[in-house]
């Protein structure tokens, strides 16, 4: 049986310590802050990131350096036969396409998964891949299974402030000013490739209701599983853990049959939406991983 190692990047939210426990490898994402480069979870913690973000630092995301990726692949292949590499969604970054191009020089030993995931749903894909490898699947089979299920996930995100969407050019200054005046709490969605507008709420309470109703609708209409028995339910947040824990209690009451896994939102998304965001996410369970 082929020895398969699962590799991802830090957009999955998997820290180095968690990676060791899961038996996977994580390549840290680079960030440029005021023109200085940092690596997520290496010399840039969540707390440091938000300190620099709220202080007005010039933050730019970047895909992993080509040399960093191939050096790691070469290192992992010394003790493994194949690699399943799960980068962030190709709709949010060019890193997936770049990784695929690099993999062409590895004679099929590196399989790059383009399953349109980010943050907590991407984390679940990594866990699924690890379980599939332990079940005896080779790298190509794992890639196929994950990509076949790539649109079977949802993320809904409530944004606390419009400032970072404006700064990133995702909304116009006029729209941001009007939204701030009206105290809007936009709800965004990621279903597949991109971060898109979903709804506008006037209060945090209304935004939470919108997200929970949307998730219930997905359970019933998208996944044909109203009781959620075949769905992984996840939550994410930016910076404010107390608000996230309080919201988790509300979500758990609305979805009593689901165990909720909650983690900080990926910094690559956080830099575009800022602190104080709350998110609900789900992904359909992979059969081979949930027997």
C-alpha atoms as a PDB file:
ATOM      1  CA  UNK A   1       0.000   0.000   0.000  1.00  0.00           C
ATOM      2  CA  UNK A   2       1.265   3.439  -0.931  1.00  0.00           C
ATOM      3  CA  UNK A   3       2.348   5.616   2.001  1.00  0.00           C
ATOM      4  CA  UNK A   4       0.416   8.884   1.601  1.00  0.00           C
ATOM      5  CA  UNK A   5       1.053  12.111   3.519  1.00  0.00           C
ATOM      6  CA  UNK A   6      -1.531  14.909   3.664  1.00  0.00           C
ATOM      7  CA  UNK A   7      -0.186  18.451   3.353  1.00  0.00           C
ATOM      8  CA  UNK A   8      -2.100  21.732   3.532  1.00  0.00           C
ATOM      9  CA  UNK A   9      -1.378  25.416   4.162  1.00  0.00           C
ATOM     10  CA  UNK A  10      -2.213  27.538   7.186  1.00  0.00           C
ATOM     11  CA  UNK A  11      -5.381  28.854   5.519  1.00  0.00           C
ATOM     12  CA  UNK A  12      -6.889  25.660   6.931  1.00  0.00           C
ATOM     13  CA  UNK A  13      -6.518  27.142  10.395  1.00  0.00           C
ATOM     14  CA  UNK A  14      -4.494  24.104  11.473  1.00  0.00           C
ATOM     15  CA  UNK A  15      -1.667  25.175  13.771  1.00  0.00           C
ATOM     16  CA  UNK A  16       1.708  23.404  13.927  1.00  0.00           C
ATOM     17  CA  UNK A  17       0.753  21.770  17.244  1.00  0.00           C
ATOM     18  CA  UNK A  18      -2.587  20.548  15.883  1.00  0.00           C
ATOM     19  CA  UNK A  19      -0.891  19.276  12.733  1.00  0.00           C
ATOM     20  CA  UNK A  20       1.317  17.019  14.858  1.00  0.00           C
ATOM     21  CA  UNK A  21      -1.720  15.593  16.647  1.00  0.00           C
ATOM     22  CA  UNK A  22      -3.566  15.020  13.351  1.00  0.00           C
ATOM     23  CA  UNK A  23      -0.537  13.516  11.605  1.00  0.00           C
ATOM     24  CA  UNK A  24      -0.544  16.057   8.745  1.00  0.00           C
ATOM     25  CA  UNK A  25       1.823  18.783   7.557  1.00  0.00           C
ATOM     26  CA  UNK A  26       1.107  22.520   7.224  1.00  0.00           C
ATOM     27  CA  UNK A  27       2.948  25.037   5.050  1.00  0.00           C
ATOM     28  CA  UNK A  28       2.684  28.520   6.645  1.00  0.00           C
ATOM     29  CA  UNK A  29       1.187  31.347   4.590  1.00  0.00           C
ATOM     30  CA  UNK A  30       3.325  34.471   4.180  1.00  0.00           C
ATOM     31  CA  UNK A  31       1.953  37.951   4.908  1.00  0.00           C
ATOM     32  CA  UNK A  32       3.528  41.305   4.167  1.00  0.00           C
ATOM     33  CA  UNK A  33       2.847  43.858   6.912  1.00  0.00           C
ATOM     34  CA  UNK A  34       4.283  47.302   6.264  1.00  0.00           C
ATOM     35  CA  UNK A  35       6.505  45.590   3.667  1.00  0.00           C
ATOM     36  CA  UNK A  36       7.973  43.112   6.149  1.00  0.00           C
ATOM     37  CA  UNK A  37       7.250  39.408   5.575  1.00  0.00           C
ATOM     38  CA  UNK A  38       5.814  37.201   8.303  1.00  0.00           C
ATOM     39  CA  UNK A  39       4.777  33.548   8.337  1.00  0.00           C
ATOM     40  CA  UNK A  40       1.433  32.617   9.894  1.00  0.00           C
ATOM     41  CA  UNK A  41       1.790  30.674  13.164  1.00  0.00           C
ATOM     42  CA  UNK A  42       5.587  30.885  12.904  1.00  0.00           C
ATOM     43  CA  UNK A  43       6.462  34.510  13.627  1.00  0.00           C
ATOM     44  CA  UNK A  44       2.934  35.921  13.326  1.00  0.00           C
ATOM     45  CA  UNK A  45       0.314  34.902  15.880  1.00  0.00           C
ATOM     46  CA  UNK A  46      -3.408  35.668  15.663  1.00  0.00           C
ATOM     47  CA  UNK A  47      -3.006  38.307  18.389  1.00  0.00           C
ATOM     48  CA  UNK A  48      -0.078  39.998  16.654  1.00  0.00           C
ATOM     49  CA  UNK A  49      -1.971  39.995  13.363  1.00  0.00           C
ATOM     50  CA  UNK A  50      -5.010  41.779  14.819  1.00  0.00           C
ATOM     51  CA  UNK A  51      -2.839  44.286  16.682  1.00  0.00           C
ATOM     52  CA  UNK A  52      -1.216  45.265  13.405  1.00  0.00           C
ATOM     53  CA  UNK A  53      -4.530  45.169  11.490  1.00  0.00           C
ATOM     54  CA  UNK A  54      -6.425  47.422  13.911  1.00  0.00           C
ATOM     55  CA  UNK A  55      -3.436  49.779  14.138  1.00  0.00           C
ATOM     56  CA  UNK A  56      -3.816  50.421  10.403  1.00  0.00           C
ATOM     57  CA  UNK A  57      -0.889  48.387   9.181  1.00  0.00           C
ATOM     58  CA  UNK A  58      -0.532  47.841   5.438  1.00  0.00           C
ATOM     59  CA  UNK A  59      -1.285  44.110   5.219  1.00  0.00           C
ATOM     60  CA  UNK A  60      -0.992  42.133   2.012  1.00  0.00           C
ATOM     61  CA  UNK A  61      -1.618  38.436   1.581  1.00  0.00           C
ATOM     62  CA  UNK A  62       0.668  36.320  -0.536  1.00  0.00           C
ATOM     63  CA  UNK A  63       0.680  32.772  -1.778  1.00  0.00           C
ATOM     64  CA  UNK A  64       3.397  30.465  -0.409  1.00  0.00           C
ATOM     65  CA  UNK A  65       6.789  30.984  -2.016  1.00  0.00           C
ATOM     66  CA  UNK A  66       7.460  28.422  -4.756  1.00  0.00           C
ATOM     67  CA  UNK A  67      10.709  27.335  -3.126  1.00  0.00           C
ATOM     68  CA  UNK A  68       9.003  26.853   0.236  1.00  0.00           C
ATOM     69  CA  UNK A  69       6.423  24.527  -1.324  1.00  0.00           C
ATOM     70  CA  UNK A  70       8.727  22.398  -3.464  1.00  0.00           C
ATOM     71  CA  UNK A  71      11.372  22.133  -0.718  1.00  0.00           C
ATOM     72  CA  UNK A  72       8.700  20.780   1.631  1.00  0.00           C
ATOM     73  CA  UNK A  73       7.375  18.366  -0.988  1.00  0.00           C
ATOM     74  CA  UNK A  74      10.886  17.059  -1.621  1.00  0.00           C
ATOM     75  CA  UNK A  75      11.413  16.619   2.113  1.00  0.00           C
ATOM     76  CA  UNK A  76       8.107  14.768   2.624  1.00  0.00           C
ATOM     77  CA  UNK A  77       8.710  12.441  -0.332  1.00  0.00           C
ATOM     78  CA  UNK A  78      11.883  11.126   1.276  1.00  0.00           C
ATOM     79  CA  UNK A  79       9.740   9.184   3.744  1.00  0.00           C
ATOM     80  CA  UNK A  80       6.442   8.934   1.823  1.00  0.00           C
ATOM     81  CA  UNK A  81       5.401   7.605  -1.571  1.00  0.00           C
ATOM     82  CA  UNK A  82       2.742  10.226  -2.366  1.00  0.00           C
ATOM     83  CA  UNK A  83       1.460  13.639  -1.257  1.00  0.00           C
ATOM     84  CA  UNK A  84      -2.099  14.936  -1.150  1.00  0.00           C
ATOM     85  CA  UNK A  85      -1.723  18.728  -1.140  1.00  0.00           C
ATOM     86  CA  UNK A  86      -4.787  20.772  -0.136  1.00  0.00           C
ATOM     87  CA  UNK A  87      -4.330  24.536  -0.701  1.00  0.00           C
ATOM     88  CA  UNK A  88      -6.947  27.259  -0.287  1.00  0.00           C
ATOM     89  CA  UNK A  89      -9.739  27.647  -2.851  1.00  0.00           C
ATOM     90  CA  UNK A  90      -8.625  28.522  -6.379  1.00  0.00           C
ATOM     91  CA  UNK A  91     -11.395  31.137  -6.366  1.00  0.00           C
ATOM     92  CA  UNK A  92      -9.677  33.043  -3.564  1.00  0.00           C
ATOM     93  CA  UNK A  93      -6.016  32.710  -4.520  1.00  0.00           C
ATOM     94  CA  UNK A  94      -3.747  31.705  -7.371  1.00  0.00           C
ATOM     95  CA  UNK A  95      -1.763  29.446  -5.027  1.00  0.00           C
ATOM     96  CA  UNK A  96      -3.821  26.403  -6.030  1.00  0.00           C
ATOM     97  CA  UNK A  97      -3.119  26.851  -9.733  1.00  0.00           C
ATOM     98  CA  UNK A  98       0.572  27.458  -9.026  1.00  0.00           C
ATOM     99  CA  UNK A  99       0.760  24.322  -6.899  1.00  0.00           C
ATOM    100  CA  UNK A 100      -0.892  22.301  -9.656  1.00  0.00           C
ATOM    101  CA  UNK A 101       1.682  23.542 -12.182  1.00  0.00           C
ATOM    102  CA  UNK A 102       4.531  22.652  -9.814  1.00  0.00           C
ATOM    103  CA  UNK A 103       3.078  19.184  -9.235  1.00  0.00           C
ATOM    104  CA  UNK A 104       3.467  18.332 -12.929  1.00  0.00           C
ATOM    105  CA  UNK A 105       7.175  17.777 -12.315  1.00  0.00           C
ATOM    106  CA  UNK A 106       6.505  15.070  -9.708  1.00  0.00           C
ATOM    107  CA  UNK A 107       5.288  12.205 -11.936  1.00  0.00           C
ATOM    108  CA  UNK A 108       1.950  11.890 -10.167  1.00  0.00           C
ATOM    109  CA  UNK A 109       3.486  11.652  -6.704  1.00  0.00           C
ATOM    110  CA  UNK A 110       1.925  14.998  -5.724  1.00  0.00           C
ATOM    111  CA  UNK A 111      -1.843  15.328  -6.126  1.00  0.00           C
ATOM    112  CA  UNK A 112      -3.140  18.902  -5.707  1.00  0.00           C
ATOM    113  CA  UNK A 113      -6.746  19.066  -4.531  1.00  0.00           C
ATOM    114  CA  UNK A 114      -8.869  21.931  -5.877  1.00  0.00           C
ATOM    115  CA  UNK A 115     -12.010  21.476  -3.803  1.00  0.00           C
ATOM    116  CA  UNK A 116     -12.871  25.149  -3.272  1.00  0.00           C
ATOM    117  CA  UNK A 117     -12.469  25.194   0.510  1.00  0.00           C
ATOM    118  CA  UNK A 118     -11.099  27.708   3.012  1.00  0.00           C
ATOM    119  CA  UNK A 119     -10.722  27.903   6.776  1.00  0.00           C
ATOM    120  CA  UNK A 120     -12.885  25.457   8.776  1.00  0.00           C
ATOM    121  CA  UNK A 121     -14.276  23.644   5.715  1.00  0.00           C
ATOM    122  CA  UNK A 122     -10.726  23.292   4.367  1.00  0.00           C
ATOM    123  CA  UNK A 123      -9.666  21.937   7.768  1.00  0.00           C
ATOM    124  CA  UNK A 124     -12.374  19.276   7.494  1.00  0.00           C
ATOM    125  CA  UNK A 125     -11.099  18.315   4.037  1.00  0.00           C
ATOM    126  CA  UNK A 126      -7.646  17.767   5.515  1.00  0.00           C
ATOM    127  CA  UNK A 127      -9.101  15.493   8.195  1.00  0.00           C
ATOM    128  CA  UNK A 128     -11.132  13.645   5.558  1.00  0.00           C
ATOM    129  CA  UNK A 129      -8.014  13.178   3.424  1.00  0.00           C
ATOM    130  CA  UNK A 130      -6.073  11.808   6.386  1.00  0.00           C
ATOM    131  CA  UNK A 131      -8.873   9.342   7.169  1.00  0.00           C
ATOM    132  CA  UNK A 132      -9.099   8.276   3.530  1.00  0.00           C
ATOM    133  CA  UNK A 133      -5.348   7.650   3.450  1.00  0.00           C
ATOM    134  CA  UNK A 134      -5.628   5.519   6.588  1.00  0.00           C
ATOM    135  CA  UNK A 135      -8.468   3.618   4.898  1.00  0.00           C
ATOM    136  CA  UNK A 136      -6.044   2.636   2.136  1.00  0.00           C
ATOM    137  CA  UNK A 137      -6.869   5.172  -0.584  1.00  0.00           C
ATOM    138  CA  UNK A 138      -4.002   6.396  -2.740  1.00  0.00           C
ATOM    139  CA  UNK A 139      -3.360  10.085  -3.450  1.00  0.00           C
ATOM    140  CA  UNK A 140      -5.210  10.161  -6.788  1.00  0.00           C
ATOM    141  CA  UNK A 141      -8.265   8.476  -5.260  1.00  0.00           C
ATOM    142  CA  UNK A 142      -8.320  10.944  -2.365  1.00  0.00           C
ATOM    143  CA  UNK A 143      -8.078  13.890  -4.747  1.00  0.00           C
ATOM    144  CA  UNK A 144     -11.013  12.556  -6.777  1.00  0.00           C
ATOM    145  CA  UNK A 145     -13.228  11.959  -3.731  1.00  0.00           C
ATOM    146  CA  UNK A 146     -12.592  15.429  -2.317  1.00  0.00           C
ATOM    147  CA  UNK A 147     -13.084  17.195  -5.641  1.00  0.00           C
ATOM    148  CA  UNK A 148     -16.315  15.284  -6.313  1.00  0.00           C
ATOM    149  CA  UNK A 149     -17.656  16.839  -3.090  1.00  0.00           C
ATOM    150  CA  UNK A 150     -16.196  20.308  -3.620  1.00  0.00           C
ATOM    151  CA  UNK A 151     -19.497  22.196  -3.766  1.00  0.00           C
ATOM    152  CA  UNK A 152     -21.014  20.360  -0.812  1.00  0.00           C
ATOM    153  CA  UNK A 153     -20.104  23.025   1.715  1.00  0.00           C
ATOM    154  CA  UNK A 154     -21.265  26.467   2.861  1.00  0.00           C
ATOM    155  CA  UNK A 155     -19.863  29.347   4.886  1.00  0.00           C
ATOM    156  CA  UNK A 156     -21.914  32.344   6.072  1.00  0.00           C
ATOM    157  CA  UNK A 157     -20.017  35.243   7.666  1.00  0.00           C
ATOM    158  CA  UNK A 158     -21.365  38.264   9.553  1.00  0.00           C
ATOM    159  CA  UNK A 159     -19.063  41.262   9.180  1.00  0.00           C
ATOM    160  CA  UNK A 160     -18.843  43.641  12.153  1.00  0.00           C
ATOM    161  CA  UNK A 161     -17.340  46.575  10.255  1.00  0.00           C
ATOM    162  CA  UNK A 162     -17.269  47.615   6.605  1.00  0.00           C
ATOM    163  CA  UNK A 163     -13.880  49.325   6.874  1.00  0.00           C
ATOM    164  CA  UNK A 164     -11.830  46.344   5.740  1.00  0.00           C
ATOM    165  CA  UNK A 165     -14.107  45.459   2.819  1.00  0.00           C
ATOM    166  CA  UNK A 166     -13.717  49.072   1.684  1.00  0.00           C
ATOM    167  CA  UNK A 167      -9.943  48.994   2.164  1.00  0.00           C
ATOM    168  CA  UNK A 168      -9.691  45.826   0.110  1.00  0.00           C
ATOM    169  CA  UNK A 169     -11.787  47.307  -2.697  1.00  0.00           C
ATOM    170  CA  UNK A 170     -14.620  44.798  -2.253  1.00  0.00           C
ATOM    171  CA  UNK A 171     -17.166  47.594  -1.719  1.00  0.00           C
ATOM    172  CA  UNK A 172     -17.077  51.257  -2.752  1.00  0.00           C
ATOM    173  CA  UNK A 173     -16.314  54.027  -0.225  1.00  0.00           C
ATOM    174  CA  UNK A 174     -19.839  55.369  -0.769  1.00  0.00           C
ATOM    175  CA  UNK A 175     -21.422  51.997  -0.003  1.00  0.00           C
ATOM    176  CA  UNK A 176     -19.227  51.630   3.073  1.00  0.00           C
ATOM    177  CA  UNK A 177     -20.186  55.100   4.313  1.00  0.00           C
ATOM    178  CA  UNK A 178     -23.892  54.402   3.812  1.00  0.00           C
ATOM    179  CA  UNK A 179     -23.626  51.007   5.459  1.00  0.00           C
ATOM    180  CA  UNK A 180     -21.796  52.489   8.441  1.00  0.00           C
ATOM    181  CA  UNK A 181     -24.404  55.248   8.758  1.00  0.00           C
ATOM    182  CA  UNK A 182     -27.212  52.669   8.730  1.00  0.00           C
ATOM    183  CA  UNK A 183     -25.188  50.425  11.076  1.00  0.00           C
ATOM    184  CA  UNK A 184     -25.503  47.491   8.693  1.00  0.00           C
ATOM    185  CA  UNK A 185     -24.067  44.077   9.523  1.00  0.00           C
ATOM    186  CA  UNK A 186     -23.519  42.450   6.112  1.00  0.00           C
ATOM    187  CA  UNK A 187     -23.713  38.681   5.810  1.00  0.00           C
ATOM    188  CA  UNK A 188     -21.322  37.217   3.234  1.00  0.00           C
ATOM    189  CA  UNK A 189     -21.209  33.703   1.858  1.00  0.00           C
ATOM    190  CA  UNK A 190     -18.682  31.287   0.424  1.00  0.00           C
ATOM    191  CA  UNK A 191     -20.296  28.457  -1.516  1.00  0.00           C
ATOM    192  CA  UNK A 192     -17.593  27.132  -3.735  1.00  0.00           C
ATOM    193  CA  UNK A 193     -15.288  29.662  -5.228  1.00  0.00           C
ATOM    194  CA  UNK A 194     -15.686  33.231  -4.008  1.00  0.00           C
ATOM    195  CA  UNK A 195     -16.627  35.516  -1.124  1.00  0.00           C
ATOM    196  CA  UNK A 196     -19.969  37.066  -2.130  1.00  0.00           C
ATOM    197  CA  UNK A 197     -22.674  39.246  -0.584  1.00  0.00           C
ATOM    198  CA  UNK A 198     -25.606  37.276   0.835  1.00  0.00           C
ATOM    199  CA  UNK A 199     -27.809  39.581   2.944  1.00  0.00           C
ATOM    200  CA  UNK A 200     -27.871  42.846   4.895  1.00  0.00           C
ATOM    201  CA  UNK A 201     -28.838  42.961   8.570  1.00  0.00           C
ATOM    202  CA  UNK A 202     -29.481  45.949  10.808  1.00  0.00           C
ATOM    203  CA  UNK A 203     -28.398  44.227  14.024  1.00  0.00           C
ATOM    204  CA  UNK A 204     -26.087  41.458  15.149  1.00  0.00           C
ATOM    205  CA  UNK A 205     -29.132  39.517  16.360  1.00  0.00           C
ATOM    206  CA  UNK A 206     -30.735  39.722  12.914  1.00  0.00           C
ATOM    207  CA  UNK A 207     -27.485  38.706  11.206  1.00  0.00           C
ATOM    208  CA  UNK A 208     -27.224  35.651  13.437  1.00  0.00           C
ATOM    209  CA  UNK A 209     -30.804  34.647  12.594  1.00  0.00           C
ATOM    210  CA  UNK A 210     -30.131  35.068   8.877  1.00  0.00           C
ATOM    211  CA  UNK A 211     -27.089  32.798   9.060  1.00  0.00           C
ATOM    212  CA  UNK A 212     -28.824  30.099  11.093  1.00  0.00           C
ATOM    213  CA  UNK A 213     -31.872  30.155   8.800  1.00  0.00           C
ATOM    214  CA  UNK A 214     -29.597  29.911   5.748  1.00  0.00           C
ATOM    215  CA  UNK A 215     -27.815  26.932   7.265  1.00  0.00           C
ATOM    216  CA  UNK A 216     -31.103  25.176   8.068  1.00  0.00           C
ATOM    217  CA  UNK A 217     -32.175  25.779   4.468  1.00  0.00           C
ATOM    218  CA  UNK A 218     -28.911  24.266   3.189  1.00  0.00           C
ATOM    219  CA  UNK A 219     -29.361  21.196   5.382  1.00  0.00           C
ATOM    220  CA  UNK A 220     -32.822  20.649   3.945  1.00  0.00           C
ATOM    221  CA  UNK A 221     -32.599  21.838   0.331  1.00  0.00           C
ATOM    222  CA  UNK A 222     -28.948  21.606  -0.726  1.00  0.00           C
ATOM    223  CA  UNK A 223     -27.949  18.490   1.178  1.00  0.00           C
ATOM    224  CA  UNK A 224     -31.339  16.773   1.601  1.00  0.00           C
ATOM    225  CA  UNK A 225     -30.478  16.065   5.233  1.00  0.00           C
ATOM    226  CA  UNK A 226     -32.743  18.141   7.525  1.00  0.00           C
ATOM    227  CA  UNK A 227     -31.568  16.463  10.736  1.00  0.00           C
ATOM    228  CA  UNK A 228     -27.917  17.165   9.902  1.00  0.00           C
ATOM    229  CA  UNK A 229     -26.824  13.601  10.579  1.00  0.00           C
ATOM    230  CA  UNK A 230     -24.622  13.535   7.461  1.00  0.00           C
ATOM    231  CA  UNK A 231     -23.229  17.043   7.837  1.00  0.00           C
ATOM    232  CA  UNK A 232     -20.190  18.464   9.636  1.00  0.00           C
ATOM    233  CA  UNK A 233     -21.168  21.715  11.371  1.00  0.00           C
ATOM    234  CA  UNK A 234     -18.439  24.256  12.015  1.00  0.00           C
ATOM    235  CA  UNK A 235     -18.091  27.802  13.296  1.00  0.00           C
ATOM    236  CA  UNK A 236     -15.406  30.444  12.916  1.00  0.00           C
ATOM    237  CA  UNK A 237     -14.705  33.919  14.200  1.00  0.00           C
ATOM    238  CA  UNK A 238     -12.217  36.757  14.015  1.00  0.00           C
ATOM    239  CA  UNK A 239     -10.514  37.832  17.224  1.00  0.00           C
ATOM    240  CA  UNK A 240     -13.498  38.030  19.634  1.00  0.00           C
ATOM    241  CA  UNK A 241     -13.603  34.579  21.248  1.00  0.00           C
ATOM    242  CA  UNK A 242     -16.165  35.625  23.898  1.00  0.00           C
ATOM    243  CA  UNK A 243     -18.714  36.669  21.259  1.00  0.00           C
ATOM    244  CA  UNK A 244     -18.005  33.473  19.345  1.00  0.00           C
ATOM    245  CA  UNK A 245     -18.566  31.263  22.390  1.00  0.00           C
ATOM    246  CA  UNK A 246     -21.874  33.023  23.117  1.00  0.00           C
ATOM    247  CA  UNK A 247     -23.004  32.542  19.510  1.00  0.00           C
ATOM    248  CA  UNK A 248     -21.925  28.910  19.619  1.00  0.00           C
ATOM    249  CA  UNK A 249     -24.462  28.301  22.379  1.00  0.00           C
ATOM    250  CA  UNK A 250     -27.218  29.754  20.177  1.00  0.00           C
ATOM    251  CA  UNK A 251     -26.162  27.658  17.192  1.00  0.00           C
ATOM    252  CA  UNK A 252     -25.946  24.496  19.291  1.00  0.00           C
ATOM    253  CA  UNK A 253     -29.518  25.090  20.512  1.00  0.00           C
ATOM    254  CA  UNK A 254     -30.671  25.458  16.896  1.00  0.00           C
ATOM    255  CA  UNK A 255     -28.765  22.351  15.748  1.00  0.00           C
ATOM    256  CA  UNK A 256     -28.920  19.981  18.740  1.00  0.00           C
ATOM    257  CA  UNK A 257     -27.955  16.892  16.721  1.00  0.00           C
ATOM    258  CA  UNK A 258     -24.629  18.296  15.508  1.00  0.00           C
ATOM    259  CA  UNK A 259     -21.303  18.506  17.265  1.00  0.00           C
ATOM    260  CA  UNK A 260     -19.875  21.954  16.519  1.00  0.00           C
ATOM    261  CA  UNK A 261     -16.177  22.443  15.791  1.00  0.00           C
ATOM    262  CA  UNK A 262     -15.094  26.085  16.183  1.00  0.00           C
ATOM    263  CA  UNK A 263     -11.796  27.671  15.165  1.00  0.00           C
ATOM    264  CA  UNK A 264     -10.467  31.152  14.326  1.00  0.00           C
ATOM    265  CA  UNK A 265     -11.150  32.227  10.749  1.00  0.00           C
ATOM    266  CA  UNK A 266      -8.219  32.009   8.358  1.00  0.00           C
ATOM    267  CA  UNK A 267      -6.096  35.171   8.438  1.00  0.00           C
ATOM    268  CA  UNK A 268      -6.246  35.375   4.627  1.00  0.00           C
ATOM    269  CA  UNK A 269      -9.996  35.964   4.947  1.00  0.00           C
ATOM    270  CA  UNK A 270      -9.738  37.930   8.200  1.00  0.00           C
ATOM    271  CA  UNK A 271      -7.620  40.665   6.665  1.00  0.00           C
ATOM    272  CA  UNK A 272     -10.481  41.436   4.253  1.00  0.00           C
ATOM    273  CA  UNK A 273     -13.279  41.468   6.832  1.00  0.00           C
ATOM    274  CA  UNK A 274     -11.613  42.564  10.076  1.00  0.00           C
ATOM    275  CA  UNK A 275     -12.170  41.648  13.732  1.00  0.00           C
ATOM    276  CA  UNK A 276     -15.550  40.873  15.270  1.00  0.00           C
ATOM    277  CA  UNK A 277     -16.812  38.634  12.466  1.00  0.00           C
ATOM    278  CA  UNK A 278     -18.828  35.479  13.178  1.00  0.00           C
ATOM    279  CA  UNK A 279     -19.331  32.566  10.814  1.00  0.00           C
ATOM    280  CA  UNK A 280     -21.286  29.329  10.485  1.00  0.00           C
ATOM    281  CA  UNK A 281     -20.023  26.679   8.106  1.00  0.00           C
ATOM    282  CA  UNK A 282     -20.855  23.158   7.088  1.00  0.00           C
ATOM    283  CA  UNK A 283     -19.639  20.396   4.829  1.00  0.00           C
ATOM    284  CA  UNK A 284     -21.236  17.125   3.855  1.00  0.00           C
ATOM    285  CA  UNK A 285     -19.607  14.142   5.499  1.00  0.00           C
ATOM    286  CA  UNK A 286     -17.395  11.963   3.346  1.00  0.00           C
ATOM    287  CA  UNK A 287     -18.699   8.409   3.481  1.00  0.00           C
ATOM    288  CA  UNK A 288     -15.312   6.741   3.809  1.00  0.00           C
ATOM    289  CA  UNK A 289     -14.388   8.965   6.742  1.00  0.00           C
ATOM    290  CA  UNK A 290     -17.514   8.518   8.811  1.00  0.00           C
ATOM    291  CA  UNK A 291     -18.245   4.831   9.073  1.00  0.00           C
END
